[in-house]
């Protein structure tokens, strides 16, 4: 059943929702719908629908009346590298259990 959920998530995170998710990550603070539309190239209507869907999935939240930010659930998606996770606000970082390690591929010469 867990695989079905992953496939459903993958199918829903494409197009405008995925672009909006990445755009919010790239902004230094909360991003408005107009900023997201400009950054992604999608019409404001598509961005509004994408943000609504991402909010229902628990990946974004309203930071204040004009901006959106990532939630802890979005940070845990496998879209960010370990070094990028260090640049995300401390309250949004995923909590790793003691002794957890991140597998990194070794560079080949």
Protein backbone atom coordinates (compact mmCIF):
# COMPACT_ATOMS: atom_id res chain seq x y z
CA UNK A 1 0.00 0.00 0.00
CA UNK A 2 2.92 2.36 0.67
CA UNK A 3 4.00 2.01 -2.97
CA UNK A 4 0.54 3.09 -4.12
CA UNK A 5 0.85 6.24 -2.01
CA UNK A 6 4.28 7.02 -3.49
CA UNK A 7 2.96 6.59 -7.04
CA UNK A 8 -0.01 8.83 -6.28
CA UNK A 9 2.31 11.46 -4.81
CA UNK A 10 4.62 11.27 -7.82
CA UNK A 11 1.71 11.74 -10.21
CA UNK A 12 0.37 14.73 -8.28
CA UNK A 13 3.77 16.43 -8.06
CA UNK A 14 4.25 17.32 -11.68
CA UNK A 15 3.67 20.42 -13.74
CA UNK A 16 2.61 23.52 -11.82
CA UNK A 17 2.61 21.92 -8.33
CA UNK A 18 6.20 20.70 -8.70
CA UNK A 19 7.34 24.02 -10.19
CA UNK A 20 5.67 25.93 -7.36
CA UNK A 21 7.21 23.65 -4.74
CA UNK A 22 10.69 24.23 -6.16
CA UNK A 23 10.10 27.98 -6.58
CA UNK A 24 9.02 28.36 -2.95
CA UNK A 25 12.21 26.55 -1.93
CA UNK A 26 14.32 28.99 -3.97
CA UNK A 27 12.82 32.13 -2.40
CA UNK A 28 14.67 33.41 0.68
CA UNK A 29 11.38 34.06 2.50
CA UNK A 30 7.66 33.52 1.99
CA UNK A 31 6.62 33.85 -1.66
CA UNK A 32 3.45 35.51 -2.93
CA UNK A 33 1.28 34.09 -5.69
CA UNK A 34 2.51 36.81 -8.06
CA UNK A 35 6.15 35.98 -7.29
CA UNK A 36 5.45 32.28 -7.84
CA UNK A 37 3.69 32.97 -11.14
CA UNK A 38 6.64 35.07 -12.33
CA UNK A 39 9.19 32.49 -11.18
CA UNK A 40 7.44 29.46 -12.68
CA UNK A 41 5.98 30.97 -15.84
CA UNK A 42 2.54 29.58 -15.00
CA UNK A 43 -0.58 31.76 -14.97
CA UNK A 44 -1.73 32.97 -11.58
CA UNK A 45 -4.79 30.68 -11.77
CA UNK A 46 -2.57 27.61 -12.21
CA UNK A 47 -0.32 28.76 -9.36
CA UNK A 48 -3.33 29.31 -7.10
CA UNK A 49 -4.60 25.79 -7.85
CA UNK A 50 -1.12 24.34 -7.33
CA UNK A 51 -0.71 26.07 -3.96
CA UNK A 52 -4.17 24.90 -2.87
CA UNK A 53 -3.30 21.31 -3.77
CA UNK A 54 0.11 21.51 -2.08
CA UNK A 55 -1.54 22.95 1.03
CA UNK A 56 -4.04 20.07 1.11
CA UNK A 57 -1.12 17.61 0.84
CA UNK A 58 0.60 19.42 3.72
CA UNK A 59 3.63 20.62 1.74
CA UNK A 60 3.07 24.39 1.94
CA UNK A 61 1.52 26.72 4.46
CA UNK A 62 0.56 30.35 4.50
CA UNK A 63 3.37 32.25 6.21
CA UNK A 64 1.32 35.42 6.46
CA UNK A 65 -1.49 36.98 4.51
CA UNK A 66 0.61 37.39 1.33
CA UNK A 67 3.12 34.56 1.29
CA UNK A 68 3.64 30.81 1.23
CA UNK A 69 6.43 28.68 2.66
CA UNK A 70 7.40 25.02 2.81
CA UNK A 71 6.33 22.79 5.69
CA UNK A 72 8.43 20.13 7.38
CA UNK A 73 6.73 17.51 5.17
CA UNK A 74 7.96 19.25 2.01
CA UNK A 75 11.51 19.46 3.32
CA UNK A 76 11.48 15.69 3.81
CA UNK A 77 10.65 15.05 0.15
CA UNK A 78 13.68 13.69 -1.73
CA UNK A 79 14.00 16.89 -3.77
CA UNK A 80 16.80 18.55 -1.79
CA UNK A 81 20.40 17.56 -1.31
CA UNK A 82 21.79 17.17 2.25
CA UNK A 83 23.76 20.42 1.88
CA UNK A 84 20.58 22.28 0.89
CA UNK A 85 18.74 21.01 3.96
CA UNK A 86 21.28 22.94 6.05
CA UNK A 87 20.11 26.20 4.45
CA UNK A 88 16.43 25.68 5.32
CA UNK A 89 15.03 27.48 8.36
CA UNK A 90 15.74 25.46 11.54
CA UNK A 91 12.08 25.03 12.44
CA UNK A 92 11.37 23.50 9.01
CA UNK A 93 14.30 21.05 8.96
CA UNK A 94 13.53 17.35 9.25
CA UNK A 95 14.45 15.79 12.55
CA UNK A 96 16.93 12.94 12.09
CA UNK A 97 17.13 10.26 14.71
CA UNK A 98 20.38 9.76 16.59
CA UNK A 99 22.98 8.04 14.47
CA UNK A 100 21.13 8.66 11.19
CA UNK A 101 23.41 9.05 8.23
CA UNK A 102 22.89 10.27 4.72
CA UNK A 103 24.21 8.00 1.98
CA UNK A 104 26.34 9.95 -0.43
CA UNK A 105 27.79 8.46 -3.59
CA UNK A 106 31.57 8.42 -3.63
CA UNK A 107 33.13 10.44 -6.46
CA UNK A 108 34.70 8.30 -9.16
CA UNK A 109 38.02 9.37 -10.66
